[in-house]
Protein backbone atom coordinates (compact mmCIF):
# COMPACT_ATOMS: atom_id res chain seq x y z
CA MET A 1 -34.42 -48.08 -130.90
CA THR A 2 -36.48 -45.96 -133.32
CA ALA A 3 -40.24 -45.39 -133.34
CA VAL A 4 -41.42 -46.10 -136.91
CA PRO A 5 -44.87 -44.70 -137.82
CA THR A 6 -47.35 -47.11 -139.39
CA ALA A 7 -50.57 -46.77 -141.37
CA ARG A 8 -52.60 -47.60 -138.24
CA GLY A 9 -51.66 -44.18 -136.90
CA ASP A 10 -49.41 -45.68 -134.23
CA SER A 11 -45.69 -46.43 -134.21
CA VAL A 12 -43.74 -49.63 -133.75
CA ASP A 13 -40.26 -49.96 -132.37
CA SER A 14 -37.75 -50.63 -135.13
CA SER A 15 -36.74 -53.81 -133.31
CA GLU A 16 -40.27 -55.12 -133.95
CA LEU A 17 -40.35 -54.56 -137.72
CA GLY A 18 -39.14 -58.11 -138.34
CA PHE A 19 -39.10 -59.52 -141.86
CA THR A 20 -39.61 -56.40 -143.96
CA LEU A 21 -40.40 -56.00 -147.65
CA MET A 22 -39.11 -52.53 -148.51
CA THR A 23 -40.76 -52.04 -151.91
CA GLU A 24 -44.46 -52.86 -152.10
CA HIS A 25 -47.80 -51.16 -152.77
CA VAL A 26 -51.22 -51.69 -151.28
CA PHE A 27 -53.02 -49.87 -154.12
CA LEU A 28 -51.23 -48.61 -157.24
CA THR A 29 -53.55 -46.56 -159.41
CA ASP A 30 -54.12 -43.53 -161.59
CA ALA A 31 -56.07 -41.47 -159.07
CA GLU A 32 -57.21 -38.86 -161.58
CA VAL A 33 -58.71 -41.54 -163.82
CA GLY A 34 -60.30 -43.26 -160.83
CA ARG A 35 -61.86 -40.04 -159.60
CA ASN A 36 -63.50 -39.41 -162.94
CA TRP A 37 -64.25 -43.01 -163.96
CA PRO A 38 -64.68 -44.80 -160.61
CA GLN A 39 -65.51 -48.09 -162.29
CA THR A 40 -61.78 -48.44 -162.98
CA PHE A 41 -61.12 -49.02 -159.25
CA GLY A 42 -64.31 -50.81 -158.40
CA ASP A 43 -65.78 -51.31 -154.93
CA PRO A 44 -63.41 -49.90 -152.27
CA ASP A 45 -64.80 -52.25 -149.62
CA ARG A 46 -63.94 -55.24 -151.80
CA ARG A 47 -60.45 -53.87 -152.48
CA VAL A 48 -59.83 -53.42 -148.75
CA GLU A 49 -61.11 -56.91 -147.93
CA ASP A 50 -58.89 -58.40 -150.64
CA ALA A 51 -55.80 -56.58 -149.37
CA VAL A 52 -56.44 -57.71 -145.79
CA ARG A 53 -56.74 -61.31 -146.96
CA LYS A 54 -53.50 -61.12 -148.92
CA LEU A 55 -51.66 -59.60 -145.98
CA ALA A 56 -52.89 -62.43 -143.75
CA THR A 57 -51.43 -64.93 -146.22
CA ALA A 58 -48.13 -63.03 -146.28
CA LYS A 59 -48.05 -62.93 -142.47
CA ALA A 60 -48.54 -66.69 -142.33
CA LYS A 61 -45.47 -67.01 -144.55
CA GLY A 62 -43.27 -64.87 -142.36
CA VAL A 63 -43.82 -61.29 -143.53
CA ASP A 64 -44.05 -58.83 -140.62
CA THR A 65 -43.85 -55.43 -142.35
CA ILE A 66 -44.37 -53.99 -145.81
CA VAL A 67 -43.34 -50.54 -146.91
CA ASP A 68 -46.00 -48.99 -149.15
CA ARG A 69 -44.00 -46.91 -151.62
CA THR A 70 -47.06 -45.37 -153.24
CA ALA A 71 -46.32 -41.68 -153.65
CA VAL A 72 -48.38 -38.80 -154.98
CA GLY A 73 -48.57 -39.38 -158.74
CA ILE A 74 -49.32 -43.10 -158.56
CA GLY A 75 -52.46 -43.09 -156.47
CA ARG A 76 -51.47 -42.64 -152.82
CA ASN A 77 -54.66 -43.08 -150.79
CA VAL A 78 -53.71 -43.18 -147.12
CA PRO A 79 -57.29 -43.24 -145.74
CA LEU A 80 -57.96 -46.44 -147.70
CA VAL A 81 -54.61 -47.95 -146.71
CA LYS A 82 -55.38 -47.14 -143.08
CA ARG A 83 -58.58 -49.17 -143.36
CA VAL A 84 -56.45 -52.10 -144.48
CA ALA A 85 -53.87 -51.58 -141.75
CA ASP A 86 -56.50 -51.43 -139.03
CA GLN A 87 -57.56 -54.98 -139.96
CA SER A 88 -54.11 -56.51 -140.39
CA ASP A 89 -51.35 -57.84 -138.16
CA VAL A 90 -48.78 -56.81 -140.78
CA ASN A 91 -47.21 -53.39 -140.23
CA ILE A 92 -47.70 -51.06 -143.20
CA VAL A 93 -45.23 -48.17 -143.37
CA VAL A 94 -46.20 -45.36 -145.73
CA SER A 95 -44.14 -42.88 -147.68
CA THR A 96 -44.32 -39.31 -148.81
CA GLY A 97 -42.93 -37.91 -152.04
CA PHE A 98 -43.77 -37.25 -155.66
CA TYR A 99 -43.48 -39.76 -158.47
CA THR A 100 -42.62 -38.25 -161.81
CA MET A 101 -40.41 -39.44 -164.64
CA ASN A 102 -40.48 -36.03 -166.32
CA ASP A 103 -42.43 -33.05 -165.08
CA VAL A 104 -43.20 -31.45 -161.78
CA PRO A 105 -46.89 -31.55 -160.67
CA LEU A 106 -48.72 -28.54 -162.10
CA PHE A 107 -49.64 -27.29 -158.63
CA PHE A 108 -45.97 -26.71 -157.82
CA LEU A 109 -45.14 -25.51 -161.30
CA PHE A 110 -47.67 -22.71 -160.98
CA HIS A 111 -47.22 -21.99 -157.26
CA GLU A 112 -43.48 -22.08 -157.02
CA ILE A 113 -41.58 -22.39 -160.26
CA GLU A 114 -43.32 -20.53 -163.09
CA PRO A 115 -41.87 -17.00 -162.92
CA GLN A 116 -44.73 -15.29 -164.75
CA PHE A 117 -47.06 -15.77 -161.78
CA GLU A 118 -46.85 -13.18 -159.03
CA GLY A 119 -48.03 -13.63 -155.48
CA ARG A 120 -47.13 -17.31 -155.38
CA SER A 121 -47.76 -19.16 -152.13
CA GLY A 122 -44.08 -19.87 -151.57
CA GLU A 123 -44.88 -23.38 -150.39
CA ARG A 124 -42.35 -25.79 -151.80
CA VAL A 125 -42.53 -29.51 -152.37
CA GLU A 126 -40.20 -30.00 -149.42
CA ASP A 127 -42.68 -28.24 -147.11
CA PHE A 128 -45.44 -30.70 -148.05
CA LEU A 129 -43.10 -33.66 -147.51
CA VAL A 130 -42.02 -32.36 -144.12
CA LYS A 131 -45.65 -31.93 -143.06
CA ASP A 132 -46.42 -35.55 -143.98
CA ILE A 133 -43.48 -36.69 -141.85
CA GLU A 134 -43.81 -34.42 -138.83
CA GLU A 135 -47.56 -33.69 -138.59
CA GLY A 136 -49.24 -36.45 -140.59
CA ILE A 137 -50.95 -37.00 -143.93
CA GLY A 138 -54.18 -35.05 -144.24
CA ASP A 139 -56.46 -35.80 -141.31
CA THR A 140 -55.58 -39.51 -141.14
CA GLY A 141 -53.29 -39.33 -138.12
CA VAL A 142 -50.77 -41.35 -140.17
CA LYS A 143 -47.22 -40.06 -140.51
CA ALA A 144 -44.89 -40.92 -143.36
CA ALA A 145 -41.66 -42.64 -142.36
CA ILE A 146 -39.70 -42.43 -145.58
CA ILE A 147 -39.42 -40.20 -148.67
CA LYS A 148 -39.75 -41.53 -152.21
CA CYS A 149 -38.66 -40.01 -155.52
CA ALA A 150 -38.20 -41.37 -159.02
CA THR A 151 -35.83 -41.22 -161.97
CA ASP A 152 -36.42 -43.41 -165.01
CA ALA A 153 -35.32 -43.67 -168.64
CA PRO A 154 -35.68 -39.92 -169.35
CA GLY A 155 -32.98 -39.29 -166.75
CA VAL A 156 -32.71 -36.21 -164.56
CA THR A 157 -35.05 -33.88 -166.39
CA GLN A 158 -35.74 -30.41 -165.02
CA GLY A 159 -38.81 -31.72 -163.21
CA VAL A 160 -37.00 -34.75 -161.82
CA ASP A 161 -34.08 -32.59 -160.64
CA TYR A 162 -36.58 -30.40 -158.82
CA THR A 163 -38.19 -33.35 -157.01
CA LEU A 164 -34.83 -34.94 -156.18
CA ARG A 165 -33.58 -31.72 -154.61
CA ASN A 166 -36.79 -31.21 -152.64
CA THR A 167 -36.56 -34.82 -151.47
CA ALA A 168 -32.99 -34.19 -150.30
CA ARG A 169 -33.98 -31.00 -148.48
CA ALA A 170 -36.97 -32.61 -146.74
CA HIS A 171 -34.69 -35.47 -145.71
CA ARG A 172 -32.13 -33.09 -144.27
CA ARG A 173 -34.81 -31.20 -142.34
CA THR A 174 -36.41 -34.30 -140.83
CA GLY A 175 -33.84 -37.10 -140.95
CA ALA A 176 -36.39 -39.40 -142.64
CA PRO A 177 -34.55 -41.76 -145.01
CA ILE A 178 -34.86 -41.62 -148.80
CA PHE A 179 -35.73 -44.44 -151.14
CA THR A 180 -35.96 -44.19 -154.87
CA HIS A 181 -37.42 -45.63 -158.05
CA THR A 182 -34.95 -46.15 -160.89
CA ASN A 183 -34.69 -48.18 -164.07
CA GLY A 184 -31.32 -49.50 -162.95
CA ALA A 185 -27.94 -48.52 -161.59
CA ALA A 186 -27.18 -45.80 -164.14
CA THR A 187 -30.12 -43.66 -163.06
CA GLY A 188 -29.34 -44.55 -159.44
CA GLN A 189 -25.93 -42.97 -159.90
CA MET A 190 -27.59 -39.87 -161.34
CA GLN A 191 -29.73 -39.63 -158.21
CA LEU A 192 -26.73 -39.95 -155.93
CA GLU A 193 -24.97 -37.13 -157.76
CA VAL A 194 -27.90 -34.81 -157.03
CA PHE A 195 -28.19 -35.99 -153.42
CA GLU A 196 -24.48 -35.55 -152.86
CA ASP A 197 -24.69 -32.03 -154.31
CA GLU A 198 -27.41 -31.34 -151.73
CA GLY A 199 -25.19 -32.63 -148.91
CA VAL A 200 -27.07 -35.88 -148.27
CA ASP A 201 -25.40 -38.65 -146.27
CA LEU A 202 -25.67 -41.41 -148.88
CA SER A 203 -25.81 -44.14 -146.24
CA ARG A 204 -29.32 -42.88 -145.50
CA VAL A 205 -30.49 -43.60 -149.05
CA MET A 206 -31.90 -46.76 -150.65
CA ILE A 207 -31.66 -46.95 -154.44
CA GLY A 208 -34.58 -49.05 -155.66
CA HIS A 209 -35.08 -51.40 -158.60
CA ILE A 210 -31.36 -52.02 -158.92
CA ASP A 211 -32.28 -55.39 -160.47
CA ARG A 212 -33.32 -53.52 -163.64
CA THR A 213 -29.64 -52.97 -164.46
CA PRO A 214 -28.23 -54.49 -167.69
CA GLU A 215 -25.58 -57.13 -167.09
CA ALA A 216 -22.94 -54.97 -168.77
CA GLU A 217 -23.43 -52.39 -166.00
CA VAL A 218 -23.61 -54.76 -163.03
CA GLU A 219 -20.45 -53.37 -161.42
CA THR A 220 -22.21 -50.01 -161.18
CA ILE A 221 -24.34 -51.66 -158.48
CA ALA A 222 -21.19 -52.30 -156.45
CA GLN A 223 -20.14 -48.68 -156.99
CA ILE A 224 -23.44 -47.48 -155.51
CA MET A 225 -23.00 -49.73 -152.49
CA ASP A 226 -19.40 -48.57 -152.13
CA ARG A 227 -20.73 -45.03 -151.82
CA GLY A 228 -22.63 -46.18 -148.74
CA SER A 229 -26.15 -46.61 -150.09
CA ILE A 230 -28.44 -49.61 -149.78
CA VAL A 231 -29.76 -51.10 -153.02
CA GLY A 232 -33.07 -52.84 -153.61
CA PHE A 233 -33.32 -56.09 -155.53
CA ASP A 234 -37.03 -55.51 -155.30
CA SER A 235 -38.77 -56.45 -158.54
CA PHE A 236 -39.58 -60.11 -157.84
CA HIS A 237 -43.26 -59.54 -158.54
CA PHE A 238 -42.74 -59.78 -162.28
CA PRO A 239 -42.60 -63.16 -164.10
CA GLU A 240 -40.26 -63.38 -167.07
CA GLY A 241 -41.55 -61.24 -169.92
CA LEU A 242 -44.53 -59.77 -168.05
CA GLY A 243 -42.98 -56.73 -166.41
CA PRO A 244 -40.33 -54.11 -167.13
CA TRP A 245 -37.28 -55.25 -169.05
CA MET A 246 -34.85 -57.10 -166.83
CA GLU A 247 -32.16 -59.73 -167.16
CA PRO A 248 -33.46 -63.28 -166.50
CA GLU A 249 -34.31 -63.89 -162.88
CA ALA A 250 -31.76 -66.68 -162.54
CA LYS A 251 -29.04 -64.20 -163.44
CA ARG A 252 -30.31 -61.58 -161.02
CA LEU A 253 -30.36 -64.15 -158.21
CA GLN A 254 -26.76 -64.96 -159.08
CA TRP A 255 -25.89 -61.28 -158.80
CA ILE A 256 -27.32 -61.19 -155.26
CA ALA A 257 -25.43 -64.33 -154.29
CA GLY A 258 -22.25 -62.94 -155.78
CA PHE A 259 -22.57 -59.63 -153.96
CA CYS A 260 -23.23 -61.49 -150.71
CA ALA A 261 -20.08 -63.54 -151.26
CA ARG A 262 -18.15 -60.28 -151.76
CA GLY A 263 -19.35 -58.88 -148.43
CA TYR A 264 -22.24 -56.69 -149.56
CA ALA A 265 -25.08 -58.43 -147.70
CA ASP A 266 -25.38 -55.42 -145.41
CA ARG A 267 -26.17 -53.13 -148.37
CA ILE A 268 -29.02 -55.10 -150.01
CA VAL A 269 -32.77 -55.35 -149.38
CA LEU A 270 -35.28 -57.62 -151.10
CA ALA A 271 -38.92 -57.11 -152.13
CA HIS A 272 -41.48 -57.66 -154.89
CA ASP A 273 -42.86 -54.26 -156.01
CA GLN A 274 -46.26 -55.94 -155.65
CA PRO A 275 -49.63 -54.21 -155.32
CA SER A 276 -52.71 -55.80 -153.85
CA TYR A 277 -54.57 -54.06 -156.66
CA THR A 278 -53.46 -51.94 -159.61
CA ASP A 279 -55.26 -50.36 -162.53
CA LEU A 280 -51.97 -49.52 -164.25
CA MET A 281 -52.04 -52.79 -166.18
CA PRO A 282 -54.94 -54.71 -167.72
CA GLU A 283 -56.78 -56.73 -165.10
CA ASP A 284 -56.23 -60.07 -166.85
CA LEU A 285 -52.47 -59.43 -166.91
CA ALA A 286 -52.46 -58.38 -163.25
CA GLN A 287 -54.37 -61.53 -162.32
CA ARG A 288 -52.00 -63.71 -164.35
CA THR A 289 -48.99 -62.13 -162.66
CA GLU A 290 -50.48 -62.69 -159.22
CA SER A 291 -51.47 -66.27 -160.01
CA GLU A 292 -47.88 -67.03 -160.98
CA ARG A 293 -46.18 -65.07 -158.19
CA GLY A 294 -48.67 -64.71 -155.36
CA CYS A 295 -48.98 -61.43 -153.49
CA TRP A 296 -46.06 -60.48 -151.23
CA THR A 297 -45.14 -64.18 -150.88
CA TYR A 298 -42.86 -65.10 -153.81
CA LEU A 299 -39.66 -64.53 -151.86
CA SER A 300 -40.94 -66.61 -148.93
CA ASP A 301 -42.24 -69.34 -151.21
CA VAL A 302 -39.47 -69.56 -153.80
CA GLY A 303 -36.91 -66.77 -153.99
CA LEU A 304 -35.12 -67.22 -150.67
CA ASP A 305 -34.70 -70.96 -151.24
CA ARG A 306 -33.16 -70.24 -154.64
CA LEU A 307 -30.71 -67.87 -152.99
CA ARG A 308 -29.83 -70.57 -150.46
CA GLU A 309 -29.15 -72.97 -153.33
CA LEU A 310 -26.66 -70.39 -154.65
CA GLY A 311 -24.80 -70.30 -151.34
CA VAL A 312 -26.49 -67.38 -149.59
CA THR A 313 -26.62 -68.13 -145.87
CA ASP A 314 -29.56 -67.68 -143.53
CA GLU A 315 -27.51 -65.05 -141.70
CA GLN A 316 -27.11 -63.09 -144.93
CA ILE A 317 -30.82 -63.46 -145.72
CA GLY A 318 -31.57 -62.11 -142.25
CA ARG A 319 -29.43 -59.07 -142.95
CA MET A 320 -31.24 -58.34 -146.22
CA THR A 321 -34.77 -58.87 -144.92
CA VAL A 322 -34.57 -57.82 -141.25
CA ASP A 323 -31.40 -55.97 -140.29
CA ASN A 324 -30.92 -53.66 -143.27
CA PRO A 325 -34.51 -52.35 -143.38
CA ARG A 326 -34.37 -51.78 -139.62
CA ARG A 327 -31.01 -50.03 -139.89
CA LEU A 328 -32.29 -47.72 -142.64
CA PHE A 329 -35.26 -46.64 -140.52
CA GLU A 330 -33.02 -46.17 -137.50
CA THR A 331 -31.01 -43.51 -139.34
CA ARG A 332 -33.97 -41.23 -138.53
CA ASP A 333 -32.56 -40.95 -135.03
CA LEU A 334 -29.51 -39.22 -136.45
CA GLY A 335 -31.87 -36.30 -137.02
CA GLY A 336 -31.78 -33.49 -139.51
CA TYR A 337 -28.56 -31.83 -140.57
C-alpha cells in the first residue's frame, strides 16, 4: 500500500484512509486581505477550535479523511491546518499548486516569464510544487500529497496554460496525482488536452466540479471518464441558488445514478467543497449555507440515501467514497515518468 502524507506531519497507509471526501477546505480565504485587515479572519484560535469541532461531528457520521484542496491563491495556511489536524481523528491531506482563473502569480511572472528581466532566478512553479511534495511545506514538516490547478469560465488563458503545464511537469517528476478545479466538463476537457500534450497518464488525474456541467453537455462527463480520468461530483455544499450555477441537485443525483448503472462507479468521487470557515462570501450567507447543509456531513446525512433511492448500491457508494480516492493516491507508487 501507499504512504499518504497528512497535515499532522505523519503518513497513513492508503488502506487506512477510509471514507474520503476528496474536495474540501479547512480555511478558504483571501490571504492578502487577511494579512492587511486581520479582522476579516478573526481569532485564529477560535477558527481552529471550530474546525476541530466540525471534524469531530463529521467523524461521528463516518468521515475518515478529507482532502484540503486549498492551494496558493485561495489562502493556503498549512501551519494553521496542522493545528487543526493535531487535534482531530480525521486525516487531513493537503495539496500543493496554484489557483488562478487567469494570470500567473506576479512572483513567477517576474522571476521566470517576463523576458525584460535579466538575471532571473530560474525557479519555476514546478520546482516549488516538487519541494512541497518531496521536502515539505515551509517548516511545517507537512508534505503535500496531491497537486491542484484550476481552469474556469475564462478557459485556458496564457496564465492558466502555464500553471497546467507546470502541474503536469511536477506530477511527472514526483508521481503525485493531479486534481483540478473546473466550471464543468468543457473546461475539464481543455485541461486534459494540455495534460495529454505534456505526456500525463490521464488515469492519474481527477477532474473536479464535474457537477457544474450543463445538462446539454452531460455526455462530455462520460467522455472524460472514458479517457481514464476520475471525475468529482463534489459541490454538495451549495443549497439550490446559493452557490455557483448548477443544474438542480435532483438532476445531478440522477446523473450519478445513471453513470453508476452504466458501469462508471469506479471513475467517480463525491464531496462537498465545504470550508470550515471562508471569507470569500458574506458571513451571513456562509452561516446560512452551513445551517442548511452542515459541514462535511451532507452526504452522510442526506446525499447517499438519495443515491440509494435512485438505485445506487452500497458497493457502488463504497467505490466512490473509499476505493476510488484510495486508488488515486496509490498511483503515486507508479512513480515519476
